[in-house]
Protein backbone atom coordinates (compact mmCIF):
# COMPACT_ATOMS: atom_id res chain seq x y z
CA ARG A 1 22.06 10.24 -76.14
CA SER A 2 23.80 12.53 -78.73
CA SER A 3 26.96 12.44 -76.74
CA THR A 4 29.75 10.20 -78.01
CA GLY A 5 31.15 7.49 -75.86
CA GLN A 6 34.31 9.50 -75.22
CA GLU A 7 32.21 12.52 -73.94
CA VAL A 8 30.35 10.25 -71.52
CA LEU A 9 33.51 8.64 -70.36
CA ASP A 10 35.18 11.87 -69.76
CA TYR A 11 32.31 13.19 -67.77
CA VAL A 12 32.12 10.12 -65.51
CA CYS A 13 35.92 10.32 -65.00
CA GLN A 14 35.70 13.76 -64.06
CA GLN A 15 32.98 13.23 -61.54
CA ILE A 16 35.03 10.66 -59.64
CA ASP A 17 38.47 12.40 -60.14
CA ILE A 18 40.03 9.76 -62.46
CA VAL A 19 42.73 11.24 -64.56
CA GLU A 20 44.15 8.05 -66.12
CA LYS A 21 41.27 7.64 -68.43
CA ASP A 22 43.00 5.56 -71.07
CA TYR A 23 42.60 2.48 -69.07
CA PHE A 24 38.84 2.74 -68.93
CA GLY A 25 35.89 2.05 -71.15
CA LEU A 26 32.15 1.90 -70.96
CA ARG A 27 30.35 -1.40 -70.87
CA TYR A 28 26.76 -2.08 -71.82
CA GLN A 29 24.71 -5.27 -71.20
CA ASP A 30 21.64 -5.96 -73.35
CA SER A 31 18.48 -7.90 -72.53
CA ASN A 32 20.22 -11.12 -73.51
CA LYS A 33 23.05 -10.67 -70.94
CA HIS A 34 25.52 -10.00 -73.79
CA ARG A 35 28.11 -7.46 -72.96
CA TYR A 36 29.44 -4.79 -75.37
CA TRP A 37 32.15 -2.21 -75.14
CA ILE A 38 30.83 1.19 -76.17
CA ASP A 39 32.67 2.63 -79.19
CA LEU A 40 34.00 5.81 -77.81
CA THR A 41 34.17 7.61 -81.13
CA LYS A 42 30.39 7.17 -81.94
CA PRO A 43 27.34 8.64 -80.35
CA ILE A 44 25.57 6.44 -77.76
CA SER A 45 22.25 6.82 -79.68
CA LYS A 46 23.91 5.00 -82.64
CA GLN A 47 24.94 2.05 -80.54
CA ILE A 48 22.05 1.48 -78.13
CA LYS A 49 18.35 1.65 -79.09
CA SER A 50 16.90 0.96 -75.56
CA GLU A 51 15.01 3.66 -73.83
CA LEU A 52 16.82 2.97 -70.56
CA ILE A 53 20.65 3.00 -70.94
CA VAL A 54 22.88 1.84 -68.12
CA LEU A 55 26.64 2.01 -68.78
CA ARG A 56 29.24 0.67 -66.46
CA LEU A 57 32.69 2.10 -66.06
CA ARG A 58 35.19 -0.75 -66.23
CA PHE A 59 38.97 -1.29 -66.85
CA ARG A 60 39.36 -2.27 -70.52
CA PHE A 61 43.09 -2.18 -70.60
CA TYR A 62 44.67 -3.65 -67.41
CA PRO A 63 48.16 -2.25 -66.76
CA ALA A 64 51.08 -4.53 -67.05
CA ASN A 65 52.35 -3.51 -63.70
CA PRO A 66 49.53 -2.23 -61.51
CA ILE A 67 51.92 -0.81 -58.77
CA LEU A 68 53.26 1.70 -61.36
CA VAL A 69 49.85 3.16 -61.90
CA LYS A 70 50.23 6.83 -60.85
CA GLU A 71 46.91 7.54 -59.18
CA GLU A 72 45.68 5.89 -56.04
CA ILE A 73 42.11 6.03 -57.17
CA THR A 74 43.03 4.26 -60.37
CA ARG A 75 44.69 1.53 -58.45
CA TYR A 76 41.66 1.17 -56.16
CA GLN A 77 39.24 0.92 -59.08
CA LEU A 78 41.53 -1.84 -60.46
CA PHE A 79 41.44 -3.59 -56.98
CA VAL A 80 37.65 -3.46 -57.07
CA GLN A 81 37.39 -4.80 -60.65
CA LEU A 82 39.86 -7.68 -59.79
CA GLN A 83 37.65 -8.62 -56.95
CA ARG A 84 34.78 -8.99 -59.45
CA ASP A 85 37.06 -10.95 -61.87
CA LEU A 86 37.94 -13.29 -58.90
CA LEU A 87 34.37 -13.75 -57.86
CA HIS A 88 33.21 -14.56 -61.41
CA GLY A 89 36.01 -16.93 -62.28
CA ARG A 90 37.70 -14.68 -64.88
CA LEU A 91 40.79 -14.29 -62.79
CA TYR A 92 41.50 -18.01 -62.55
CA CYS A 93 44.33 -19.35 -60.42
CA PRO A 94 44.87 -22.33 -58.28
CA GLN A 95 42.57 -22.72 -55.35
CA ASN A 96 45.13 -22.14 -52.57
CA GLU A 97 46.29 -19.05 -54.33
CA ALA A 98 42.69 -17.88 -54.65
CA ALA A 99 42.27 -18.27 -50.94
CA VAL A 100 45.24 -15.95 -50.34
CA LEU A 101 43.72 -13.37 -52.71
CA ALA A 102 40.38 -13.66 -50.84
CA ALA A 103 42.21 -13.15 -47.57
CA LEU A 104 43.81 -9.96 -48.69
CA ILE A 105 40.44 -8.63 -49.70
CA LEU A 106 39.30 -9.29 -46.13
CA GLN A 107 42.49 -7.61 -44.70
CA SER A 108 41.56 -4.61 -46.78
CA GLU A 109 37.91 -4.55 -45.61
CA LEU A 110 38.09 -5.86 -42.05
CA GLY A 111 41.72 -5.16 -40.93
CA ASP A 112 43.63 -7.60 -38.78
CA TYR A 113 42.17 -10.90 -37.81
CA ASP A 114 40.77 -10.79 -34.29
CA GLU A 115 39.79 -14.08 -32.67
CA ALA A 116 37.42 -12.25 -30.34
CA GLU A 117 35.67 -10.59 -33.27
CA HIS A 118 36.06 -13.10 -36.07
CA LYS A 119 34.17 -16.27 -34.80
CA PRO A 120 34.51 -19.55 -36.73
CA GLY A 121 32.75 -19.35 -40.10
CA TYR A 122 32.98 -15.51 -40.34
CA VAL A 123 34.23 -15.86 -43.96
CA SER A 124 30.94 -17.35 -45.02
CA GLU A 125 29.53 -13.83 -44.65
CA TYR A 126 31.44 -12.73 -47.65
CA LYS A 127 31.09 -13.85 -51.20
CA LEU A 128 34.75 -13.78 -52.40
CA LEU A 129 35.24 -16.77 -54.87
CA LEU A 130 32.99 -18.40 -57.52
CA LYS A 131 33.51 -21.83 -55.73
CA GLN A 132 33.64 -21.07 -52.01
CA SER A 133 33.16 -24.27 -50.04
CA ALA A 134 33.55 -24.50 -46.20
CA ARG A 135 37.02 -26.02 -46.74
CA VAL A 136 38.01 -23.06 -48.88
CA GLU A 137 36.63 -20.61 -46.25
CA GLU A 138 38.78 -22.23 -43.64
CA ALA A 139 41.97 -21.79 -45.95
CA ILE A 140 41.03 -18.06 -46.36
CA ALA A 141 40.61 -17.52 -42.64
CA GLU A 142 44.02 -19.06 -42.04
CA ALA A 143 45.56 -16.90 -44.77
CA HIS A 144 43.83 -13.84 -43.20
CA LYS A 145 45.70 -14.45 -39.93
CA THR A 146 49.08 -14.22 -41.70
CA PHE A 147 48.40 -10.62 -42.87
CA VAL A 148 48.24 -8.95 -39.37
CA GLY A 149 49.73 -5.47 -39.58
CA LEU A 150 48.92 -4.80 -43.27
CA THR A 151 47.08 -1.54 -43.77
CA PRO A 152 44.18 -1.50 -46.27
CA ALA A 153 46.47 0.25 -48.82
CA GLN A 154 49.22 -2.35 -48.29
CA ALA A 155 46.72 -5.25 -48.59
CA GLU A 156 45.33 -3.89 -51.86
CA GLY A 157 48.82 -3.47 -53.21
CA GLU A 158 49.83 -6.99 -52.27
CA PHE A 159 46.53 -8.21 -54.03
CA LEU A 160 47.29 -6.27 -57.11
CA THR A 161 51.01 -7.60 -57.23
CA ARG A 162 49.87 -11.13 -56.97
CA ALA A 163 46.89 -10.96 -59.29
CA ALA A 164 49.02 -9.41 -62.03
CA ARG A 165 51.30 -12.65 -62.09
CA TYR A 166 48.45 -14.69 -63.58
CA ASP A 167 47.95 -15.26 -67.21
CA THR A 168 44.20 -14.56 -66.69
CA TYR A 169 44.87 -11.10 -65.20
CA GLY A 170 42.89 -8.80 -67.46
CA PHE A 171 41.50 -11.70 -69.45
CA ASP A 172 38.01 -11.10 -70.67
CA PRO A 173 36.97 -14.42 -72.30
CA TYR A 174 34.81 -14.73 -75.46
CA ALA A 175 33.45 -18.24 -76.45
CA VAL A 176 34.31 -19.44 -79.87
CA LYS A 177 34.17 -22.67 -81.78
CA ASP A 178 37.15 -24.40 -83.46
CA CYS A 179 37.20 -24.81 -87.26
CA LYS A 180 35.23 -28.03 -87.00
CA GLN A 181 32.60 -26.53 -84.75
CA VAL A 182 33.16 -29.30 -82.19
CA ASN A 183 35.09 -27.78 -79.13
CA THR A 184 34.19 -24.62 -77.34
CA ILE A 185 37.24 -22.41 -76.94
CA TYR A 186 37.59 -19.25 -74.92
CA ILE A 187 39.68 -16.31 -76.48
CA GLY A 188 40.67 -13.22 -74.87
CA VAL A 189 43.37 -10.47 -74.54
CA ASN A 190 45.37 -8.77 -71.97
CA HIS A 191 48.51 -6.66 -71.73
CA ASP A 192 50.79 -9.65 -72.67
CA GLY A 193 48.89 -10.78 -75.93
CA ILE A 194 46.20 -13.08 -77.07
CA LEU A 195 45.20 -16.07 -74.89
CA ILE A 196 43.18 -19.17 -75.98
CA TYR A 197 41.82 -21.57 -73.38
CA GLN A 198 39.81 -24.73 -73.42
CA THR A 199 38.16 -25.03 -70.09
CA ASN A 200 41.05 -24.20 -67.79
CA HIS A 201 43.80 -25.47 -70.05
CA LYS A 202 45.85 -22.86 -71.85
CA LEU A 203 46.19 -23.73 -75.56
CA HIS A 204 48.01 -20.58 -76.88
CA HIS A 205 49.52 -17.59 -75.60
CA ILE A 206 50.66 -15.32 -78.56
CA LYS A 207 52.36 -12.11 -77.54
CA TRP A 208 51.73 -8.88 -79.13
CA SER A 209 55.06 -8.69 -80.71
CA ASN A 210 54.26 -12.07 -82.37
CA VAL A 211 51.01 -11.01 -83.79
CA GLU A 212 51.25 -10.13 -87.51
CA LYS A 213 47.51 -9.62 -88.22
CA VAL A 214 44.09 -10.08 -86.86
CA ASP A 215 41.02 -9.94 -88.94
CA TYR A 216 37.46 -11.27 -89.37
CA VAL A 217 36.60 -13.03 -92.61
CA ASN A 218 33.60 -15.20 -93.55
CA LYS A 219 32.50 -15.34 -89.82
CA GLN A 220 35.89 -16.51 -88.77
CA LEU A 221 38.30 -14.73 -86.45
CA ARG A 222 41.61 -15.17 -87.82
CA ILE A 223 44.80 -14.62 -85.92
CA TYR A 224 48.14 -14.64 -87.84
CA PRO A 225 51.24 -15.11 -85.73
CA SER A 226 54.41 -13.67 -87.06
CA ALA A 227 56.50 -16.84 -86.09
CA ALA A 228 54.34 -19.76 -85.69
CA TYR A 229 51.08 -21.20 -87.05
CA CYS A 230 47.96 -20.63 -84.92
CA GLN A 231 44.75 -22.48 -85.53
CA GLU A 232 41.81 -20.41 -86.67
CA TYR A 233 38.70 -20.27 -84.67
CA LEU A 234 35.08 -19.73 -85.67
CA THR A 235 33.22 -17.36 -83.44
CA ASN A 236 30.23 -18.90 -81.74
CA LYS A 237 27.52 -16.32 -82.35
CA SER A 238 25.23 -17.72 -79.64
CA ALA A 239 27.88 -17.46 -77.06
CA VAL A 240 29.26 -13.99 -78.01
CA ALA A 241 27.44 -10.77 -78.13
CA SER A 242 28.93 -9.90 -81.41
CA PRO A 243 31.73 -11.65 -83.56
CA ASN A 244 33.02 -8.18 -84.39
CA SER A 245 33.21 -7.24 -80.75
CA THR A 246 35.82 -9.93 -80.39
CA LEU A 247 37.87 -8.55 -83.22
CA ASN A 248 37.44 -4.93 -82.00
CA THR A 249 38.57 -5.85 -78.51
CA THR A 250 41.68 -7.66 -79.97
CA VAL A 251 42.53 -4.86 -82.27
CA ASP A 252 42.01 -1.99 -79.62
CA SER A 253 44.10 -3.99 -77.03
CA ASN A 254 46.94 -4.47 -79.58
CA VAL A 255 47.05 -0.74 -80.52
CA PHE A 256 47.04 0.30 -76.80
CA PHE A 257 49.55 -2.15 -75.51
CA MET A 258 51.83 -2.21 -78.51
CA ARG A 259 51.95 1.55 -78.00
CA GLN A 260 53.04 1.13 -74.45
CA LEU A 261 55.54 -1.55 -75.45
CA THR A 262 57.14 0.62 -78.05
CA GLN A 263 57.49 3.49 -75.61
CA ALA A 264 58.92 1.20 -72.92
CA LEU A 265 61.56 -0.20 -75.39
CA SER A 266 62.43 3.37 -76.49
CA GLY A 267 62.87 4.37 -72.84
CA MET A 268 65.11 1.36 -72.31
CA THR A 269 67.30 2.34 -75.33
CA SER A 270 67.66 6.03 -74.29
CA GLU A 271 67.91 5.40 -70.58
CA GLY A 272 70.00 2.23 -70.48
CA SER A 273 39.14 -23.51 -65.22
CA LEU A 274 39.25 -21.24 -66.59
CA ARG A 275 36.39 -23.42 -66.33
CA LYS A 276 33.92 -23.47 -69.03
CA ARG A 277 31.03 -22.29 -66.87
CA GLN A 278 33.01 -19.52 -65.21
CA CYS A 279 33.42 -17.52 -68.35
C-alpha cells in the first residue's frame, strides 16, 4: 500500500518481462464500476481506500504504429487488449470489417480453417464482438477461410495493422454533456488527438498539434484548439468516474504523444456506434 503506482507498475512489468513500460498504466475499478487510472507518482494508499485492491495492467497509450513496437510481448499485450476493445465496442468499425478482425483472432487461436474440424456454427463458441448475430458469425467464418496459411504471429500482426487504421483505435470514451446539458457526448483521446463522438457519429477530431490548451474550470472540461473553435462540453459526473480523470487522461496523453511527435519530426529533419451503450 505504501508503494507508488510507478513502483507497482515496474514490479508487474518485471514479472512478465515487459521492457516498454511507457505504454502501460494501472487501472482500478470501484464498486460503482467507475474506472480510474492510477496516478503513478502517488502511493496506492492515497488513491484507494478499499481493503481489497485489484489493479489491472492496461495499455494507456496505444502506439501510433503497433508494428514498430520493438518487443514481441508488448505487441501481444496490445493484441489482447484490442480484442477486449473490439468485444466491448470501444474499437468501433463497420460490421463487415469487424468480422474480418474477429476472423484474424480465430486464425491466431485456432489456426487454419478446417472443414472437418470446424463444423457449421463453430464461431458461436467464441464471443468476439459486442453484437454477434448468426449472420455476423457466418461472415466471420467466411473471412476465417481466407486466412489459410497465416501463422499466429502473422494473424496478430495483420489484426494490429488493420485495427490501427480506425479513429477509435486507442479511444477510451468518457461520457459528457454539451453546454445545454441536453445531448450525451463521448470524448476520448488517442495518439492522433482528441476525439468527440455522439453515438457512432464523429463530431470533432482535434489533432494534438492543434490543441492550444485543455483545462477544467467550473465543472467544465474546456478544449481550446489553436486554429478553430471547438464547442465546450460539461462533464456528466454520473457517467464518468471523475471529471478530473478526463482532464488527466487528456493532458497525460498530450504530453506522451506530443513528445513522440516532436522526436519523430526531429528525426525527419536530421535524417531526411460508437454506439451510446457500447461505451
